[in-house]
Amino acid sequence: MATVTTAAINEAKFCALLNGKYHADREAFLDSWDRLITFGVLAAGATAFLDVFGVHFQKLGAASLALFALVQLVYGLPVKARKHAFLRERYFEISSRLANGDLKAAAANGSMLNLAGQEDPPYFAVHAIAENWATRAVYGDKKPLPCKIGLFRFGS
């Protein structure tokens, strides 16, 4: 009976780590792009008001400012990044509670299903990298990496 329980706990831990890593990577990606776009807004805004470079640069700066600000407004990257931060935190909390013995596998799976309903559709390449990472974190070298992308295996 202990091996069945251990296997169930390991599978739940794997799922929690997989999803936690996925959301950590998505959060980092979205935060990076948000900072880059914000820099573009600031740089283009400064260019639009500089008299030194002439009218053509002012027009180019104003057009760039409008484009960057539109992208920032429409895609709402900070909001999406915060959502991934929330989900990452919850999945790693579940993994921690499993490791401490405070949570049973069935309860962890129920909690993760609840969280899955709040998620956006996955980006499969990021998910594959996270799956390889979680496999190594839970099973070590005992289990082969499940995902192969191109010529490379990620997550070792």
Protein backbone atom coordinates (compact mmCIF):
# COMPACT_ATOMS: atom_id res chain seq x y z
CA MET A 1 0.00 0.00 0.00
CA ALA A 2 2.90 2.36 0.72
CA THR A 3 4.18 2.20 -2.88
CA VAL A 4 0.74 3.06 -4.27
CA THR A 5 0.57 6.04 -1.90
CA THR A 6 4.13 7.06 -2.75
CA ALA A 7 3.42 6.77 -6.47
CA ALA A 8 0.25 8.86 -6.11
CA ILE A 9 2.13 11.50 -4.09
CA ASN A 10 4.97 11.57 -6.64
CA GLU A 11 2.51 11.95 -9.52
CA ALA A 12 0.69 14.79 -7.73
CA LYS A 13 4.04 16.42 -6.86
CA PHE A 14 5.11 16.08 -10.50
CA CYS A 15 1.91 17.76 -11.69
CA ALA A 16 2.27 20.60 -9.17
CA LEU A 17 5.93 21.20 -10.06
CA LEU A 18 5.21 21.00 -13.78
CA ASN A 19 2.50 23.63 -13.57
CA GLY A 20 4.47 25.79 -11.14
CA LYS A 21 7.49 25.83 -13.47
CA TYR A 22 5.29 26.55 -16.50
CA HIS A 23 3.69 29.55 -14.82
CA ALA A 24 7.06 30.81 -13.53
CA ASP A 25 8.44 30.76 -17.08
CA ARG A 26 5.36 32.48 -18.53
CA GLU A 27 5.45 35.13 -15.80
CA ALA A 28 9.14 35.86 -16.50
CA PHE A 29 8.51 36.06 -20.25
CA LEU A 30 5.56 38.45 -19.91
CA ASP A 31 7.36 40.64 -17.37
CA SER A 32 10.39 40.92 -19.68
CA TRP A 33 8.27 41.94 -22.65
CA ASP A 34 6.33 44.42 -20.53
CA ARG A 35 9.58 46.09 -19.44
CA LEU A 36 10.80 46.19 -23.04
CA ILE A 37 7.55 47.74 -24.28
CA THR A 38 7.53 50.25 -21.41
CA PHE A 39 11.07 51.23 -22.36
CA GLY A 40 9.86 51.67 -25.96
CA VAL A 41 7.01 53.91 -24.78
CA LEU A 42 9.40 56.07 -22.76
CA ALA A 43 12.08 56.27 -25.44
CA ALA A 44 9.57 57.04 -28.20
CA GLY A 45 7.84 59.60 -26.00
CA ALA A 46 11.13 61.36 -25.30
CA THR A 47 11.99 61.33 -29.02
CA ALA A 48 8.60 62.79 -29.93
CA PHE A 49 9.30 65.85 -27.80
CA LEU A 50 12.93 66.45 -28.75
CA ASP A 51 13.50 69.42 -31.01
CA VAL A 52 17.16 68.62 -31.53
CA PHE A 53 16.66 65.88 -34.15
CA GLY A 54 14.15 67.70 -36.29
CA VAL A 55 10.59 67.16 -37.44
CA HIS A 56 11.12 63.74 -39.02
CA PHE A 57 12.39 62.21 -35.79
CA GLN A 58 9.57 63.85 -33.86
CA LYS A 59 7.01 62.26 -36.19
CA LEU A 60 8.75 58.90 -36.01
CA GLY A 61 8.87 59.17 -32.22
CA ALA A 62 5.19 60.03 -32.03
CA ALA A 63 4.25 57.11 -34.29
CA SER A 64 6.44 54.72 -32.26
CA LEU A 65 4.93 56.03 -29.04
CA ALA A 66 1.43 55.37 -30.34
CA LEU A 67 2.37 51.86 -31.47
CA PHE A 68 4.11 50.83 -28.22
CA ALA A 69 1.35 52.32 -26.07
CA LEU A 70 -1.28 50.50 -28.14
CA VAL A 71 0.50 47.16 -27.75
CA GLN A 72 0.87 47.74 -24.03
CA LEU A 73 -2.80 48.65 -23.64
CA VAL A 74 -4.26 45.91 -25.84
CA TYR A 75 -2.22 42.95 -24.61
CA GLY A 76 -2.17 43.86 -20.91
CA LEU A 77 1.04 41.96 -20.22
CA PRO A 78 1.30 43.00 -16.54
CA VAL A 79 -2.16 41.60 -15.81
CA LYS A 80 -1.31 38.31 -17.50
CA ALA A 81 2.04 38.14 -15.68
CA ARG A 82 0.34 38.64 -12.30
CA LYS A 83 -2.13 35.86 -13.12
CA HIS A 84 0.76 33.50 -13.86
CA ALA A 85 2.43 34.65 -10.62
CA PHE A 86 -0.72 33.74 -8.67
CA LEU A 87 -0.98 30.32 -10.32
CA ARG A 88 2.76 29.65 -9.86
CA GLU A 89 2.46 30.44 -6.17
CA ARG A 90 -0.53 28.15 -5.70
CA TYR A 91 1.04 25.20 -7.56
CA PHE A 92 4.30 25.43 -5.59
CA GLU A 93 2.28 25.71 -2.38
CA ILE A 94 0.52 22.45 -3.27
CA SER A 95 3.90 20.82 -3.99
CA SER A 96 5.26 22.04 -0.67
CA ARG A 97 2.25 20.72 1.24
CA LEU A 98 2.64 17.36 -0.51
CA ALA A 99 6.33 17.22 0.44
CA ASN A 100 5.51 18.08 4.07
CA GLY A 101 2.78 15.43 4.24
CA ASP A 102 0.12 18.08 4.96
CA LEU A 103 -1.87 17.18 1.84
CA LYS A 104 -2.99 13.87 0.37
CA ALA A 105 -2.65 13.13 -3.35
CA ALA A 106 -6.41 13.13 -3.99
CA ALA A 107 -6.85 16.53 -2.31
CA ALA A 108 -3.86 17.91 -4.24
CA ASN A 109 -5.32 16.68 -7.53
CA GLY A 110 -8.64 18.29 -6.67
CA SER A 111 -6.95 21.60 -5.88
CA MET A 112 -4.95 21.46 -9.11
CA LEU A 113 -8.07 20.76 -11.17
CA ASN A 114 -9.65 23.79 -9.55
CA LEU A 115 -6.65 25.92 -10.54
CA ALA A 116 -6.59 24.47 -14.06
CA GLY A 117 -9.99 26.04 -14.67
CA GLN A 118 -8.44 29.48 -14.15
CA GLU A 119 -5.63 28.95 -16.65
CA ASP A 120 -5.32 30.23 -20.20
CA PRO A 121 -4.58 27.72 -22.97
CA PRO A 122 -0.95 26.51 -22.65
CA TYR A 123 2.03 27.35 -24.81
CA PHE A 124 3.19 23.87 -25.69
CA ALA A 125 6.93 24.51 -26.04
CA VAL A 126 7.06 26.15 -22.61
CA HIS A 127 4.92 23.33 -21.22
CA ALA A 128 7.30 20.71 -22.68
CA ILE A 129 10.31 22.39 -21.08
CA ALA A 130 8.47 22.53 -17.75
CA GLU A 131 7.51 18.85 -18.08
CA ASN A 132 11.15 17.87 -18.55
CA TRP A 133 12.16 20.02 -15.58
CA ALA A 134 9.48 18.48 -13.33
CA THR A 135 10.47 14.94 -14.42
CA ARG A 136 14.04 15.57 -13.29
CA ALA A 137 12.86 17.26 -10.05
CA VAL A 138 10.62 14.35 -8.98
CA TYR A 139 12.13 11.24 -10.57
CA GLY A 140 15.77 12.25 -11.18
CA ASP A 141 17.48 10.08 -13.79
CA LYS A 142 15.18 7.10 -13.11
CA LYS A 143 12.72 8.25 -15.74
CA PRO A 144 13.63 9.47 -19.26
CA LEU A 145 12.73 13.01 -20.26
CA PRO A 146 9.25 12.92 -21.79
CA CYS A 147 9.60 15.73 -24.32
CA LYS A 148 12.04 16.15 -27.16
CA ILE A 149 12.00 19.43 -29.05
CA GLY A 150 13.88 19.44 -32.33
CA LEU A 151 17.36 18.03 -31.88
CA PHE A 152 17.61 19.09 -28.24
CA ARG A 153 16.23 17.79 -24.95
CA PHE A 154 15.39 20.57 -22.51
CA GLY A 155 15.24 20.51 -18.74
CA SER A 156 18.24 18.37 -17.85
